Amino acid sequence: FTLDHVLPRKHGGTTVWTNVVTCCYLCNQRKGDKTVAGAGMRLLRQPVKPTSLPYVAEVENYKEYPSTIPESWKFWLGMEA
């Protein structure tokens, strides 16, 4: 899977939960910098911010031990890398 912006950054989209979806590499390439509709595609579901993060038991515990968090996770945990 790859991450794709529903509203591309080129068109003012940002990297937030409600604007990022997963898709296969070929679909990501097909969509490119177009909007979903502009690429003739459709979303299976609207993206939403999760209410919990799978496999992360206690986010607060991770905030106490920031060295244990992968740098790539910090943005998504609200800890800015």
Protein backbone atom coordinates (compact mmCIF):
# COMPACT_ATOMS: atom_id res chain seq x y z
CA PHE A 1 0.00 0.00 0.00
CA THR A 2 0.92 3.65 -0.47
CA LEU A 3 -0.47 6.83 1.06
CA ASP A 4 -2.36 9.19 -1.22
CA HIS A 5 -3.84 12.63 -0.61
CA VAL A 6 -7.55 12.82 -1.47
CA LEU A 7 -7.11 16.51 -2.30
CA PRO A 8 -3.55 16.63 -3.68
CA ARG A 9 -1.05 18.93 -2.02
CA LYS A 10 -0.69 20.60 -5.42
CA HIS A 11 -4.32 21.71 -5.03
CA GLY A 12 -4.00 22.84 -1.41
CA GLY A 13 -4.51 19.50 0.36
CA THR A 14 -2.62 18.81 3.56
CA THR A 15 -1.33 15.67 5.25
CA VAL A 16 -4.06 15.12 7.85
CA TRP A 17 -6.09 12.04 8.74
CA THR A 18 -9.15 13.25 6.81
CA ASN A 19 -7.19 13.83 3.59
CA VAL A 20 -4.97 10.73 3.42
CA VAL A 21 -5.97 7.25 2.30
CA THR A 22 -4.12 4.05 1.47
CA CYS A 23 -4.14 2.67 -2.04
CA CYS A 24 -2.12 0.34 -4.20
CA TYR A 25 0.89 1.68 -6.06
CA LEU A 26 -0.77 1.41 -9.49
CA CYS A 27 -3.88 3.34 -8.39
CA ASN A 28 -1.70 6.00 -6.76
CA GLN A 29 0.21 6.40 -10.02
CA ARG A 30 -3.02 6.51 -12.04
CA LYS A 31 -4.49 9.24 -9.85
CA GLY A 32 -1.28 11.26 -9.69
CA ASP A 33 -1.87 14.94 -8.86
CA LYS A 34 -5.55 14.83 -9.86
CA THR A 35 -8.53 14.90 -7.55
CA VAL A 36 -10.36 11.61 -7.06
CA ALA A 37 -13.18 12.72 -9.39
CA GLY A 38 -10.71 14.19 -11.88
CA ALA A 39 -9.02 10.80 -12.15
CA GLY A 40 -12.38 9.07 -12.69
CA MET A 41 -12.05 7.22 -9.40
CA ARG A 42 -14.07 6.99 -6.21
CA LEU A 43 -13.29 6.50 -2.54
CA LEU A 44 -14.46 3.27 -0.94
CA ARG A 45 -14.89 5.21 2.34
CA GLN A 46 -14.41 8.79 3.46
CA PRO A 47 -11.20 9.10 5.48
CA VAL A 48 -11.66 9.90 9.17
CA LYS A 49 -9.35 10.54 12.10
CA PRO A 50 -9.22 7.33 14.15
CA THR A 51 -10.54 7.40 17.69
CA SER A 52 -7.83 4.95 18.75
CA LEU A 53 -4.55 3.77 17.28
CA PRO A 54 -4.23 0.00 16.84
CA TYR A 55 -1.18 -1.55 18.50
CA VAL A 56 -0.55 1.56 20.60
CA ALA A 57 -1.88 0.75 24.04
CA GLU A 58 -1.24 4.07 25.74
CA VAL A 59 -0.16 7.07 23.68
CA GLU A 60 0.50 8.98 26.90
CA ASN A 61 3.11 6.38 27.89
CA TYR A 62 4.89 6.99 24.62
CA LYS A 63 4.94 10.72 25.33
CA GLU A 64 6.82 9.94 28.56
CA TYR A 65 9.41 7.94 26.60
CA PRO A 66 9.76 9.76 23.26
CA SER A 67 12.99 7.94 22.39
CA THR A 68 10.95 4.72 21.98
CA ILE A 69 8.76 6.19 19.23
CA PRO A 70 9.86 5.84 15.61
CA GLU A 71 10.43 9.31 14.10
CA SER A 72 7.94 8.54 11.32
CA TRP A 73 5.15 8.05 13.91
CA LYS A 74 5.60 11.33 15.77
CA PHE A 75 3.62 13.46 13.31
CA TRP A 76 0.64 11.10 13.51
CA LEU A 77 0.80 11.00 17.31
CA GLY A 78 0.74 14.79 17.48
CA MET A 79 4.34 14.97 18.63
CA GLU A 80 5.86 16.59 15.51
CA ALA A 81 9.09 14.87 14.49
